[in-house]
Amino acid sequence: MAAPLTLLLVLAVTIRAALFRSSLAELIAERVEVVSPITAWKRVVEGLALLDLGVSPYSGDVFHETPLIIYLFHFVVDYAEITFMLADVITAVALYMAVKDYNKQVFRKQKFALEADRYPLDCLELIRSPKEIYLLNPFTILSCVAKSTCGLNNAVVALFIFSTIKGNTLLSAIFLCLATYQSIYPLTLCAPAMLYLMQRQYIPVNFRRASFWWFIAQYLFMYLGSLFVLICLSFFLLGSWDYMPSVYGFILSVPDLTPNIGLFWYFFAEMFEHFRLFFLCVFQINVFFYTIPLSVKLKEHPVFLIFMQLAVISIFKSYPTVGDIALYMAFLPVWSHLYRFLRNTFLVSCVLLACSTLFPVLWHLWIYAGSANSNFYYAITLLFNVAQILLVSDYFYAFLRREHHLTYGLYLKRKDGSEATLVLK
């Protein structure tokens, strides 16, 4: 492993250890931007207390994590800080190794394309150059210090990405199953995983080919089989199905309207009850709806599709935290070759920084000072999510524009020889 990565991991662990021992740890653990009703550590502790008393942790309306999480911390609760730091290290290393392997494949393809003169001469400056990814995001640090179980979910997703890029079909299906078991929404990552693995095995994406359907059947069998084993294991651990409505029903029905950085809480707090089900379906379908059009458009670029899907999940899920945002932002250095085509970099960066600063300010004015109300906090939440949407759509535009230039050249000409302007619709 590269020495810079090792030094970075040592620095990251040192920062986390120092914050764990500081007075800020308790304050961070209470921030609604960092923890949610699902991932909050204090809820895990209450679930463990109920479990130790012989009571189902799902008998009340406190604990909403999966059974495997509570049984994991039943054994390692005294080493919780080390567990969360280890999860961040696993995430960082898995993403680093995944991107390193992906870059090797991209450079190999570029070399063949250059040798075959597939790229126009005037677009050689667009050829991708090596970039190493380093994970030292303040959002990640806050999530770890708050002991948010989001960090564990990110580690599982990172291992899924690593397994997929390495071409290991079985491990890819197993880790995707674990991620889905934790929060449902990673189900949308199934499409890019299958597209990438089919590319690795030179299976054409053709509905008329038997090999296409045979691979899909194999992957879904491994994925659904692993999910069935996890669900049955959870049942045998608890002796009941109480966790199903408490975990998955809680995620989908959104009964707890505690303020967070998502779009659900304020909207449904103001919603008339007889309209709730309809708009709940609309909001939840929003996460899954984009999978099909994005998969069709990016079927040749499944790794970028994974990045897009992670961003969509973090924006539109019912109980998001800053830890979810940190995961997809860790991919931004991978697309450094798109920077020249980004249009809103300065605006989006300023808005994200301003919103991150104003979150605790407006929360204090609303909850403690009483000089503001929920409208102020939701306004900054809405602006924060709009900035994320602008960021993701800007990268999507930049990616498509670069692909177009790689095919037709960087300096486009009309038939009469004059300079043309590219307009993407």
Protein backbone atom coordinates (compact mmCIF):
# COMPACT_ATOMS: atom_id res chain seq x y z
CA MET A 1 0.00 0.00 0.00
CA ALA A 2 1.27 3.46 -0.84
CA ALA A 3 2.97 5.35 1.97
CA PRO A 4 0.86 8.53 1.48
CA LEU A 5 -2.31 6.51 2.06
CA THR A 6 -0.85 4.96 5.22
CA LEU A 7 0.13 8.39 6.56
CA LEU A 8 -3.32 9.73 5.72
CA LEU A 9 -5.02 6.87 7.56
CA VAL A 10 -2.80 7.44 10.62
CA LEU A 11 -3.69 11.15 10.56
CA ALA A 12 -7.41 10.39 10.15
CA VAL A 13 -7.43 7.91 13.05
CA THR A 14 -5.50 10.39 15.24
CA ILE A 15 -8.04 13.16 14.55
CA ARG A 16 -10.94 10.84 15.35
CA ALA A 17 -9.31 9.55 18.54
CA ALA A 18 -8.64 13.13 19.72
CA LEU A 19 -12.25 14.16 19.05
CA PHE A 20 -13.58 11.06 20.84
CA ARG A 21 -11.71 12.22 23.95
CA SER A 22 -12.82 15.83 23.66
CA SER A 23 -15.96 17.54 24.96
CA LEU A 24 -17.16 17.98 21.38
CA ALA A 25 -18.01 14.27 20.98
CA GLU A 26 -21.25 14.54 22.97
CA LEU A 27 -22.29 17.70 21.10
CA ILE A 28 -21.61 16.13 17.69
CA ALA A 29 -23.57 13.00 18.64
CA GLU A 30 -26.68 15.16 19.16
CA ARG A 31 -26.51 17.02 15.84
CA VAL A 32 -29.47 16.22 13.58
CA GLU A 33 -27.27 16.72 10.53
CA VAL A 34 -24.95 13.93 11.64
CA VAL A 35 -27.32 11.33 13.08
CA SER A 36 -30.87 10.26 12.25
CA PRO A 37 -33.55 8.31 14.14
CA ILE A 38 -32.10 5.19 12.48
CA THR A 39 -28.35 5.72 12.86
CA ALA A 40 -28.16 7.51 16.25
CA TRP A 41 -25.83 5.79 18.71
CA LYS A 42 -28.01 6.58 21.74
CA ARG A 43 -30.81 4.55 20.14
CA VAL A 44 -28.44 1.63 19.66
CA VAL A 45 -27.50 1.84 23.35
CA GLU A 46 -31.19 1.80 24.34
CA GLY A 47 -31.78 -1.20 22.07
CA LEU A 48 -28.87 -3.01 23.74
CA ALA A 49 -30.33 -2.24 27.20
CA LEU A 50 -33.67 -3.76 26.17
CA LEU A 51 -31.92 -6.80 24.71
CA ASP A 52 -29.96 -7.34 27.95
CA LEU A 53 -33.26 -7.24 29.88
CA GLY A 54 -34.69 -9.98 27.67
CA VAL A 55 -37.09 -7.57 25.93
CA SER A 56 -37.25 -7.25 22.15
CA PRO A 57 -35.41 -4.05 21.13
CA TYR A 58 -38.20 -3.48 18.60
CA SER A 59 -41.01 -3.56 21.17
CA GLY A 60 -40.99 0.23 21.44
CA ASP A 61 -40.41 3.03 18.96
CA VAL A 62 -36.75 3.66 19.76
CA PHE A 63 -34.49 1.22 17.94
CA HIS A 64 -34.73 0.96 14.14
CA GLU A 65 -31.44 -0.61 13.09
CA THR A 66 -31.18 -4.18 11.81
CA PRO A 67 -30.78 -7.19 14.13
CA LEU A 68 -27.23 -7.89 12.92
CA ILE A 69 -26.16 -4.40 14.02
CA ILE A 70 -27.48 -4.79 17.54
CA TYR A 71 -25.96 -8.25 17.93
CA LEU A 72 -22.65 -6.94 16.57
CA PHE A 73 -22.54 -4.23 19.24
CA HIS A 74 -23.78 -6.68 21.85
CA PHE A 75 -20.26 -8.15 21.66
CA VAL A 76 -18.16 -5.08 20.80
CA VAL A 77 -20.00 -2.29 22.63
CA ASP A 78 -16.93 -1.68 24.82
CA TYR A 79 -14.89 -1.16 21.66
CA ALA A 80 -17.42 0.95 19.80
CA GLU A 81 -14.98 3.79 19.08
CA ILE A 82 -12.44 1.38 17.57
CA THR A 83 -15.22 -0.27 15.55
CA PHE A 84 -16.31 3.00 13.96
CA MET A 85 -12.74 4.08 13.24
CA LEU A 86 -12.05 0.68 11.70
CA ALA A 87 -15.16 1.06 9.53
CA ASP A 88 -13.84 4.37 8.18
CA VAL A 89 -10.43 2.81 7.50
CA ILE A 90 -12.08 -0.09 5.63
CA THR A 91 -14.12 2.37 3.59
CA ALA A 92 -11.05 4.44 2.70
CA VAL A 93 -8.89 1.46 1.76
CA ALA A 94 -11.64 -0.29 -0.21
CA LEU A 95 -12.40 2.85 -2.23
CA TYR A 96 -8.69 3.51 -2.78
CA MET A 97 -8.07 -0.04 -4.06
CA ALA A 98 -11.23 -0.01 -6.16
CA VAL A 99 -10.36 3.27 -7.88
CA LYS A 100 -6.74 2.16 -8.37
CA ASP A 101 -7.92 -0.99 -10.16
CA TYR A 102 -10.52 0.96 -12.16
CA ASN A 103 -7.87 3.45 -13.30
CA LYS A 104 -5.68 0.61 -14.56
CA GLN A 105 -8.55 -0.66 -16.69
CA VAL A 106 -9.36 2.81 -18.02
CA PHE A 107 -5.73 3.51 -18.94
CA ARG A 108 -5.50 0.14 -20.71
CA LYS A 109 -8.60 0.95 -22.78
CA GLN A 110 -7.25 4.42 -23.56
CA LYS A 111 -3.96 2.95 -24.73
CA PHE A 112 -5.73 0.59 -27.14
CA ALA A 113 -7.96 3.43 -28.38
CA LEU A 114 -4.95 5.68 -28.99
CA GLU A 115 -3.09 2.92 -30.83
CA ALA A 116 -6.15 2.35 -32.99
CA ASP A 117 -6.50 6.13 -33.66
CA ARG A 118 -10.03 6.15 -32.31
CA TYR A 119 -9.64 9.57 -30.68
CA PRO A 120 -9.47 12.75 -32.79
CA LEU A 121 -6.05 14.42 -32.53
CA ASP A 122 -7.48 17.65 -31.11
CA CYS A 123 -8.97 15.90 -28.05
CA LEU A 124 -5.81 14.16 -26.78
CA GLU A 125 -5.71 16.68 -23.92
CA LEU A 126 -8.95 15.13 -22.62
CA ILE A 127 -7.29 11.77 -22.01
CA ARG A 128 -7.60 10.80 -18.40
CA SER A 129 -4.58 11.08 -16.11
CA PRO A 130 -3.96 9.07 -12.90
CA LYS A 131 -5.57 10.36 -9.72
CA GLU A 132 -5.42 8.78 -6.29
CA ILE A 133 -8.40 9.13 -4.05
CA TYR A 134 -7.95 10.23 -0.44
CA LEU A 135 -10.75 10.11 2.05
CA LEU A 136 -10.47 12.86 4.68
CA ASN A 137 -13.85 14.54 4.63
CA PRO A 138 -15.13 16.57 7.63
CA PHE A 139 -18.54 14.95 7.11
CA THR A 140 -16.95 11.51 7.53
CA ILE A 141 -15.11 12.60 10.67
CA LEU A 142 -18.29 14.00 12.22
CA SER A 143 -20.20 10.82 11.40
CA CYS A 144 -17.50 8.67 12.99
CA VAL A 145 -17.19 10.78 16.15
CA ALA A 146 -20.99 10.72 16.57
CA LYS A 147 -20.80 6.91 16.28
CA SER A 148 -23.43 6.98 13.56
CA THR A 149 -24.10 3.52 12.11
CA CYS A 150 -24.04 5.22 8.70
CA GLY A 151 -20.28 4.60 8.82
CA LEU A 152 -20.88 0.85 8.89
CA ASN A 153 -23.26 1.11 5.94
CA ASN A 154 -20.63 3.08 3.99
CA ALA A 155 -18.05 0.37 4.71
CA VAL A 156 -20.35 -2.30 3.30
CA VAL A 157 -21.09 -0.22 0.17
CA ALA A 158 -17.35 0.44 -0.30
CA LEU A 159 -16.63 -3.30 -0.09
CA PHE A 160 -19.40 -3.90 -2.63
CA ILE A 161 -17.80 -1.39 -5.02
CA PHE A 162 -14.37 -2.95 -4.51
CA SER A 163 -15.68 -6.48 -5.12
CA THR A 164 -17.54 -5.35 -8.23
CA ILE A 165 -14.56 -3.56 -9.78
CA LYS A 166 -12.35 -6.57 -8.99
CA GLY A 167 -14.87 -8.69 -10.94
CA ASN A 168 -15.85 -10.99 -8.06
CA THR A 169 -19.51 -11.72 -8.78
CA LEU A 170 -20.24 -13.66 -5.60
CA LEU A 171 -18.75 -11.10 -3.19
CA SER A 172 -20.40 -8.28 -5.13
CA ALA A 173 -23.82 -9.90 -4.68
CA ILE A 174 -23.18 -10.65 -0.99
CA PHE A 175 -22.04 -7.11 -0.09
CA LEU A 176 -24.88 -5.57 -2.12
CA CYS A 177 -27.25 -7.83 -0.21
CA LEU A 178 -25.76 -6.61 3.10
CA ALA A 179 -26.13 -2.98 2.02
CA THR A 180 -29.75 -3.56 0.95
CA TYR A 181 -30.45 -5.40 4.19
CA GLN A 182 -29.24 -2.34 6.08
CA SER A 183 -31.26 0.37 4.33
CA ILE A 184 -33.20 -0.87 1.22
CA TYR A 185 -32.03 1.97 -1.06
CA PRO A 186 -28.76 0.31 -2.26
CA LEU A 187 -31.03 -2.02 -4.24
CA THR A 188 -30.64 0.53 -7.07
CA LEU A 189 -26.92 -0.34 -7.27
CA CYS A 190 -27.82 -3.76 -8.63
CA ALA A 191 -28.07 -2.42 -12.22
CA PRO A 192 -24.59 -0.81 -12.42
CA ALA A 193 -23.04 -3.84 -10.72
CA MET A 194 -24.46 -6.23 -13.31
CA LEU A 195 -23.51 -3.90 -16.18
CA TYR A 196 -19.91 -3.67 -14.97
CA LEU A 197 -19.55 -7.40 -14.35
CA MET A 198 -20.96 -8.15 -17.79
CA GLN A 199 -18.35 -5.81 -19.28
CA ARG A 200 -15.62 -7.65 -17.37
CA GLN A 201 -16.83 -10.98 -18.74
CA TYR A 202 -17.41 -9.64 -22.27
CA ILE A 203 -21.14 -10.38 -22.15
CA PRO A 204 -23.03 -8.03 -24.51
CA VAL A 205 -26.01 -6.09 -23.14
CA ASN A 206 -28.43 -7.57 -25.62
CA PHE A 207 -31.90 -8.73 -24.66
CA ARG A 208 -31.83 -11.33 -27.44
CA ARG A 209 -28.69 -13.05 -26.15
CA ALA A 210 -29.10 -16.04 -23.84
CA SER A 211 -25.80 -15.20 -22.09
CA PHE A 212 -27.24 -11.83 -21.01
CA TRP A 213 -30.25 -13.39 -19.29
CA TRP A 214 -28.19 -16.25 -17.87
CA PHE A 215 -25.80 -13.82 -16.15
CA ILE A 216 -28.69 -11.76 -14.73
CA ALA A 217 -30.31 -14.95 -13.40
CA GLN A 218 -27.02 -16.02 -11.77
CA TYR A 219 -26.42 -12.64 -10.11
CA LEU A 220 -30.00 -12.29 -8.87
CA PHE A 221 -29.90 -15.85 -7.53
CA MET A 222 -26.78 -15.07 -5.48
CA TYR A 223 -28.18 -11.71 -4.38
CA LEU A 224 -31.66 -12.94 -3.40
CA GLY A 225 -30.23 -16.11 -1.86
CA SER A 226 -27.92 -14.08 0.37
CA LEU A 227 -30.80 -11.77 1.30
CA PHE A 228 -32.96 -14.76 2.21
CA VAL A 229 -30.20 -16.12 4.46
CA LEU A 230 -29.82 -12.75 6.23
CA ILE A 231 -33.55 -12.37 6.80
CA CYS A 232 -33.84 -15.91 8.18
CA LEU A 233 -30.76 -15.36 10.39
CA SER A 234 -32.34 -12.20 11.79
CA PHE A 235 -35.53 -14.16 12.55
CA PHE A 236 -33.61 -16.90 14.39
CA LEU A 237 -31.66 -14.32 16.42
CA LEU A 238 -34.81 -12.51 17.57
CA GLY A 239 -37.38 -15.30 17.39
CA SER A 240 -39.89 -12.98 15.72
CA TRP A 241 -40.52 -10.80 12.69
CA ASP A 242 -40.84 -7.62 14.77
CA TYR A 243 -37.81 -6.09 13.09
CA MET A 244 -39.45 -5.99 9.63
CA PRO A 245 -41.94 -3.15 10.34
CA SER A 246 -39.55 -1.47 12.80
CA VAL A 247 -36.69 -1.28 10.29
CA TYR A 248 -38.02 -1.38 6.73
CA GLY A 249 -41.51 -0.12 7.53
CA PHE A 250 -39.91 2.78 9.42
CA ILE A 251 -37.70 3.70 6.44
CA LEU A 252 -40.56 3.57 3.93
CA SER A 253 -43.41 5.06 5.98
CA VAL A 254 -41.33 7.87 7.62
CA PRO A 255 -43.31 8.12 10.90
CA ASP A 256 -40.56 10.03 12.78
CA LEU A 257 -40.43 13.62 11.53
CA THR A 258 -37.36 14.67 13.48
CA PRO A 259 -35.64 17.47 11.48
CA ASN A 260 -32.70 16.38 9.36
CA ILE A 261 -30.93 17.41 6.14
CA GLY A 262 -33.45 15.54 3.98
CA LEU A 263 -36.58 16.61 2.12
CA PHE A 264 -39.19 14.49 3.92
CA TRP A 265 -39.59 15.81 7.44
CA TYR A 266 -40.98 19.33 6.86
CA PHE A 267 -43.13 18.36 3.89
CA PHE A 268 -44.90 15.56 5.77
CA ALA A 269 -45.18 17.59 8.96
CA GLU A 270 -47.36 20.03 6.98
CA MET A 271 -49.16 17.33 4.98
CA PHE A 272 -52.87 16.55 5.44
CA GLU A 273 -53.23 12.95 6.56
CA HIS A 274 -55.45 11.83 3.68
CA PHE A 275 -52.78 12.97 1.15
CA ARG A 276 -49.88 11.38 3.05
CA LEU A 277 -49.86 7.95 1.38
CA PHE A 278 -49.89 9.36 -2.15
CA PHE A 279 -47.02 11.78 -1.60
CA LEU A 280 -45.12 9.19 0.42
CA CYS A 281 -45.20 6.88 -2.60
CA VAL A 282 -44.11 9.75 -4.87
CA PHE A 283 -41.16 10.66 -2.63
CA GLN A 284 -40.01 7.06 -2.18
CA ILE A 285 -40.36 6.15 -5.86
CA ASN A 286 -38.16 9.15 -6.65
CA VAL A 287 -35.11 7.27 -5.35
CA PHE A 288 -35.72 4.25 -7.58
CA PHE A 289 -37.17 6.03 -10.63
CA TYR A 290 -33.86 7.39 -11.96
CA THR A 291 -32.23 3.95 -12.07
CA ILE A 292 -33.73 2.93 -15.44
CA PRO A 293 -33.00 6.09 -17.50
CA LEU A 294 -29.52 6.45 -16.00
CA SER A 295 -28.76 2.78 -16.66
CA VAL A 296 -29.83 3.17 -20.30
CA LYS A 297 -27.75 6.32 -20.79
CA LEU A 298 -24.67 5.12 -18.89
CA LYS A 299 -24.72 1.41 -19.72
CA GLU A 300 -21.17 1.71 -21.12
CA HIS A 301 -19.96 3.54 -17.98
CA PRO A 302 -21.26 1.59 -14.95
CA VAL A 303 -18.73 3.04 -12.46
CA PHE A 304 -19.94 6.56 -13.15
CA LEU A 305 -23.47 5.16 -12.85
CA ILE A 306 -22.60 3.89 -9.35
CA PHE A 307 -21.47 7.42 -8.43
CA MET A 308 -24.73 8.87 -9.77
CA GLN A 309 -26.87 6.33 -7.91
CA LEU A 310 -25.04 6.94 -4.62
CA ALA A 311 -25.67 10.67 -5.02
CA VAL A 312 -29.38 10.15 -5.80
CA ILE A 313 -29.75 7.90 -2.74
CA SER A 314 -28.06 10.40 -0.40
CA ILE A 315 -30.27 13.26 -1.65
CA PHE A 316 -33.65 11.54 -1.80
CA LYS A 317 -33.58 8.92 0.97
CA SER A 318 -35.96 9.41 3.87
CA TYR A 319 -33.40 9.84 6.69
CA PRO A 320 -30.13 11.16 5.19
CA THR A 321 -27.09 12.29 7.15
CA VAL A 322 -23.81 13.94 6.22
CA GLY A 323 -22.20 10.49 6.26
CA ASP A 324 -24.23 9.53 3.17
CA ILE A 325 -23.01 12.65 1.36
CA ALA A 326 -19.39 11.90 2.28
CA LEU A 327 -19.54 8.54 0.50
CA TYR A 328 -20.39 9.87 -2.95
CA MET A 329 -18.19 12.95 -2.50
CA ALA A 330 -15.25 10.59 -2.03
CA PHE A 331 -15.61 9.82 -5.75
CA LEU A 332 -15.22 13.43 -6.91
CA PRO A 333 -11.40 13.23 -7.31
CA VAL A 334 -11.92 10.22 -9.58
CA TRP A 335 -13.62 12.51 -12.10
CA SER A 336 -10.96 15.24 -11.97
CA HIS A 337 -10.66 14.99 -15.77
CA LEU A 338 -14.17 16.50 -15.96
CA TYR A 339 -13.26 19.74 -14.15
CA ARG A 340 -12.78 21.75 -17.33
CA PHE A 341 -16.39 21.08 -18.35
CA LEU A 342 -18.05 21.87 -15.01
CA ARG A 343 -20.15 25.03 -15.12
CA ASN A 344 -21.24 25.70 -11.53
CA THR A 345 -18.22 24.70 -9.44
CA PHE A 346 -17.77 28.02 -7.64
CA LEU A 347 -21.49 28.53 -6.99
CA VAL A 348 -22.10 24.99 -5.72
CA SER A 349 -18.98 25.03 -3.51
CA CYS A 350 -20.00 28.33 -1.91
CA VAL A 351 -23.58 27.17 -1.31
CA LEU A 352 -22.50 23.85 0.24
CA LEU A 353 -20.00 25.58 2.53
CA ALA A 354 -22.49 28.29 3.52
CA CYS A 355 -25.25 25.78 4.24
CA SER A 356 -22.91 23.56 6.27
CA THR A 357 -22.06 26.60 8.39
CA LEU A 358 -25.63 27.83 8.73
CA PHE A 359 -27.14 24.48 9.79
CA PRO A 360 -26.08 24.77 13.47
CA VAL A 361 -26.71 28.53 13.49
CA LEU A 362 -30.34 28.29 12.35
CA TRP A 363 -30.90 25.26 14.59
CA HIS A 364 -29.77 27.31 17.60
CA LEU A 365 -31.99 30.25 16.59
CA TRP A 366 -34.98 27.92 16.21
CA ILE A 367 -34.63 25.54 19.16
CA TYR A 368 -32.71 27.53 21.79
CA ALA A 369 -33.03 31.26 21.05
CA GLY A 370 -36.64 31.06 19.82
CA SER A 371 -36.03 33.87 17.35
CA ALA A 372 -36.61 31.67 14.27
CA ASN A 373 -38.88 28.78 13.30
CA SER A 374 -38.81 25.56 11.30
CA ASN A 375 -39.19 27.46 8.02
CA PHE A 376 -35.70 28.92 8.44
CA TYR A 377 -34.09 25.54 9.02
CA TYR A 378 -35.98 23.83 6.19
CA ALA A 379 -35.06 26.68 3.82
CA ILE A 380 -31.35 26.02 4.37
CA THR A 381 -31.99 22.27 4.06
CA LEU A 382 -33.75 22.83 0.74
CA LEU A 383 -30.90 25.02 -0.51
CA PHE A 384 -28.37 22.38 0.56
CA ASN A 385 -30.17 19.69 -1.43
CA VAL A 386 -30.59 21.95 -4.46
CA ALA A 387 -26.81 22.52 -4.38
CA GLN A 388 -26.25 18.76 -4.32
CA ILE A 389 -28.60 18.29 -7.28
CA LEU A 390 -26.72 21.02 -9.18
CA LEU A 391 -23.42 19.34 -8.34
CA VAL A 392 -24.53 15.91 -9.56
CA SER A 393 -26.24 17.23 -12.69
CA ASP A 394 -23.15 19.32 -13.48
CA TYR A 395 -20.92 16.23 -13.31
CA PHE A 396 -23.42 14.34 -15.46
CA TYR A 397 -23.32 17.10 -18.07
CA ALA A 398 -19.52 17.26 -17.95
CA PHE A 399 -19.24 13.49 -18.36
CA LEU A 400 -21.54 13.43 -21.41
CA ARG A 401 -19.79 16.40 -22.96
CA ARG A 402 -16.36 14.81 -22.60
CA GLU A 403 -17.61 11.58 -24.16
CA HIS A 404 -19.00 13.58 -27.07
CA HIS A 405 -15.68 15.38 -27.60
CA LEU A 406 -13.77 12.09 -27.47
CA THR A 407 -15.89 10.88 -30.36
CA TYR A 408 -16.20 14.01 -32.52
CA GLY A 409 -13.19 16.11 -31.48
CA LEU A 410 -12.70 19.00 -29.10
CA TYR A 411 -13.08 21.80 -31.64
CA LEU A 412 -16.29 21.23 -33.56
CA LYS A 413 -16.80 22.58 -37.08
CA ARG A 414 -19.91 23.13 -39.14
CA LYS A 415 -20.11 21.92 -42.73
CA ASP A 416 -19.07 25.37 -43.96
CA GLY A 417 -15.93 25.26 -41.78
CA SER A 418 -17.08 27.78 -39.14
CA GLU A 419 -16.88 27.03 -35.42
CA ALA A 420 -19.87 25.14 -33.99
CA THR A 421 -21.35 25.28 -30.48
CA LEU A 422 -22.28 22.08 -28.63
CA VAL A 423 -25.73 22.10 -27.01
CA LEU A 424 -26.80 19.10 -24.92
CA LYS A 425 -30.55 18.63 -24.56
